[in-house]
C-alpha atoms as a PDB file:
ATOM      1  CA  MET A   1       6.853  -7.710 -22.987  1.00  0.00           C
ATOM      2  CA  ASN A   2       9.718  -5.100 -23.157  1.00  0.00           C
ATOM      3  CA  LYS A   3      10.960  -2.907 -20.297  1.00  0.00           C
ATOM      4  CA  HIS A   4       8.799   0.106 -21.652  1.00  0.00           C
ATOM      5  CA  ASN A   5       5.631  -1.691 -21.482  1.00  0.00           C
ATOM      6  CA  LEU A   6       6.549  -2.941 -17.929  1.00  0.00           C
ATOM      7  CA  LYS A   7       7.113   0.500 -16.694  1.00  0.00           C
ATOM      8  CA  GLU A   8       3.844   1.669 -18.222  1.00  0.00           C
ATOM      9  CA  LEU A   9       2.202  -1.353 -16.418  1.00  0.00           C
ATOM     10  CA  GLU A  10       3.908  -0.305 -13.296  1.00  0.00           C
ATOM     11  CA  GLU A  11       2.700   3.285 -13.545  1.00  0.00           C
ATOM     12  CA  LYS A  12      -0.809   2.061 -14.325  1.00  0.00           C
ATOM     13  CA  LEU A  13      -1.022  -0.162 -11.318  1.00  0.00           C
ATOM     14  CA  LYS A  14       0.307   2.589  -9.049  1.00  0.00           C
ATOM     15  CA  ARG A  15      -2.384   5.039 -10.424  1.00  0.00           C
ATOM     16  CA  ARG A  16      -5.346   2.574 -10.235  1.00  0.00           C
ATOM     17  CA  LYS A  17      -4.514   1.327  -6.708  1.00  0.00           C
ATOM     18  CA  SER A  18      -5.405   4.632  -5.137  1.00  0.00           C
ATOM     19  CA  VAL A  19      -8.811   4.913  -6.932  1.00  0.00           C
ATOM     20  CA  LYS A  20     -11.665   5.000  -4.192  1.00  0.00           C
ATOM     21  CA  LEU A  21     -14.568   2.694  -4.902  1.00  0.00           C
ATOM     22  CA  GLU A  22     -17.034   5.506  -4.180  1.00  0.00           C
ATOM     23  CA  ASP A  23     -15.440   7.515  -7.134  1.00  0.00           C
ATOM     24  CA  VAL A  24     -15.909   4.501  -9.720  1.00  0.00           C
ATOM     25  CA  SER A  25     -18.992   4.285 -11.936  1.00  0.00           C
ATOM     26  CA  LEU A  26     -20.108   0.907 -13.089  1.00  0.00           C
ATOM     27  CA  ASP A  27     -19.616   2.094 -16.677  1.00  0.00           C
ATOM     28  CA  ASP A  28     -16.063   2.877 -15.899  1.00  0.00           C
ATOM     29  CA  VAL A  29     -14.942  -0.639 -15.133  1.00  0.00           C
ATOM     30  CA  ASP A  30     -14.644  -3.982 -16.832  1.00  0.00           C
ATOM     31  CA  GLU A  31     -16.971  -6.891 -16.417  1.00  0.00           C
ATOM     32  CA  ILE A  32     -14.476  -9.602 -15.430  1.00  0.00           C
ATOM     33  CA  SER A  33     -16.278 -12.232 -17.530  1.00  0.00           C
ATOM     34  CA  SER A  34     -15.500 -10.037 -20.643  1.00  0.00           C
ATOM     35  CA  ILE A  35     -11.803 -10.213 -20.175  1.00  0.00           C
ATOM     36  CA  LYS A  36     -10.578 -13.063 -22.316  1.00  0.00           C
ATOM     37  CA  ILE A  37      -7.265 -14.639 -21.381  1.00  0.00           C
ATOM     38  CA  ASP A  38      -5.345 -17.436 -23.399  1.00  0.00           C
ATOM     39  CA  LYS A  39      -5.279 -20.306 -20.744  1.00  0.00           C
ATOM     40  CA  ARG A  40      -2.523 -22.050 -22.756  1.00  0.00           C
ATOM     41  CA  LYS A  41       0.047 -19.320 -21.522  1.00  0.00           C
ATOM     42  CA  PRO A  42       2.163 -19.752 -18.566  1.00  0.00           C
ATOM     43  CA  SER A  43       0.616 -18.111 -15.428  1.00  0.00           C
ATOM     44  CA  ASN A  44       2.912 -15.123 -15.350  1.00  0.00           C
ATOM     45  CA  GLU A  45       1.995 -14.343 -18.937  1.00  0.00           C
ATOM     46  CA  ARG A  46      -1.737 -14.760 -18.150  1.00  0.00           C
ATOM     47  CA  ILE A  47      -1.246 -12.399 -15.261  1.00  0.00           C
ATOM     48  CA  LEU A  48       0.418  -9.765 -17.564  1.00  0.00           C
ATOM     49  CA  GLU A  49      -2.242 -10.196 -20.203  1.00  0.00           C
ATOM     50  CA  PHE A  50      -5.051  -9.668 -17.664  1.00  0.00           C
ATOM     51  CA  LEU A  51      -3.222  -6.573 -16.290  1.00  0.00           C
ATOM     52  CA  MET A  52      -2.744  -5.106 -19.691  1.00  0.00           C
ATOM     53  CA  LYS A  53      -6.420  -5.799 -20.841  1.00  0.00           C
ATOM     54  CA  VAL A  54      -8.316  -4.686 -17.636  1.00  0.00           C
ATOM     55  CA  LYS A  55      -9.022  -0.974 -17.079  1.00  0.00           C
ATOM     56  CA  ASN A  56      -8.294  -1.311 -13.417  1.00  0.00           C
ATOM     57  CA  PRO A  57      -7.105  -4.528 -11.893  1.00  0.00           C
ATOM     58  CA  TYR A  58      -8.073  -3.451  -8.473  1.00  0.00           C
ATOM     59  CA  ILE A  59     -11.773  -2.618  -9.317  1.00  0.00           C
ATOM     60  CA  PHE A  60     -13.982  -4.580 -11.763  1.00  0.00           C
ATOM     61  CA  LYS A  61     -17.323  -5.996 -12.119  1.00  0.00           C
ATOM     62  CA  VAL A  62     -18.606  -9.427 -11.267  1.00  0.00           C
ATOM     63  CA  ASN A  63     -22.164  -9.987 -12.531  1.00  0.00           C
ATOM     64  CA  GLY A  64     -22.750  -6.324 -12.531  1.00  0.00           C
ATOM     65  CA  LYS A  65     -21.482  -5.668  -9.033  1.00  0.00           C
ATOM     66  CA  LEU A  66     -18.497  -3.512  -8.175  1.00  0.00           C
ATOM     67  CA  VAL A  67     -15.499  -5.646  -6.682  1.00  0.00           C
ATOM     68  CA  ARG A  68     -12.415  -4.183  -5.063  1.00  0.00           C
ATOM     69  CA  MET A  69      -9.300  -6.383  -4.811  1.00  0.00           C
ATOM     70  CA  ARG A  70      -6.948  -5.569  -2.007  1.00  0.00           C
ATOM     71  CA  PHE A  71      -4.027  -7.567  -0.667  1.00  0.00           C
ATOM     72  CA  SER A  72      -3.022  -8.109   3.022  1.00  0.00           C
ATOM     73  CA  ASP A  73       0.441  -7.456   4.211  1.00  0.00           C
ATOM     74  CA  THR A  74       1.464 -11.096   4.371  1.00  0.00           C
ATOM     75  CA  ASP A  75       4.208 -13.181   2.721  1.00  0.00           C
ATOM     76  CA  LYS A  76       1.910 -13.852  -0.273  1.00  0.00           C
ATOM     77  CA  THR A  77       2.883 -11.846  -3.439  1.00  0.00           C
ATOM     78  CA  ALA A  78       0.333 -10.009  -5.559  1.00  0.00           C
ATOM     79  CA  GLU A  79       1.230 -12.446  -8.221  1.00  0.00           C
ATOM     80  CA  ASP A  80       0.369 -15.469  -5.904  1.00  0.00           C
ATOM     81  CA  CYS A  81      -2.984 -13.709  -5.205  1.00  0.00           C
ATOM     82  CA  LEU A  82      -3.847 -12.775  -8.744  1.00  0.00           C
ATOM     83  CA  THR A  83      -2.869 -16.211  -9.976  1.00  0.00           C
ATOM     84  CA  ARG A  84      -5.123 -17.851  -7.444  1.00  0.00           C
ATOM     85  CA  GLY A  85      -8.015 -15.403  -8.200  1.00  0.00           C
ATOM     86  CA  LEU A  86      -7.584 -16.001 -11.947  1.00  0.00           C
ATOM     87  CA  GLU A  87      -7.409 -19.762 -11.704  1.00  0.00           C
ATOM     88  CA  ASN A  88     -10.663 -19.801  -9.699  1.00  0.00           C
ATOM     89  CA  LEU A  89     -12.286 -17.573 -12.244  1.00  0.00           C
ATOM     90  CA  TYR A  90     -11.086 -19.454 -15.364  1.00  0.00           C
ATOM     91  CA  ARG A  91     -11.530 -23.136 -14.277  1.00  0.00           C
END
């Protein structure tokens, strides 16, 4: 991924993070099971692939239900949390 794409991704994440759940329609978000990620790639590449594919990495559907992902103010990084979440989903 080049610097330009990373900058775009960074801007996407900033915009999507502030979206309120009550402003989201079920039709406007991805069903998490429909996001296909290459499991053979290293974890950091899988995370980037997920972030590029999903409309909003903070709000998505699981079995038709809206889910919002948030992170606590801890020593864990967003990468740690996303990696663990993706690993649990794609076992």
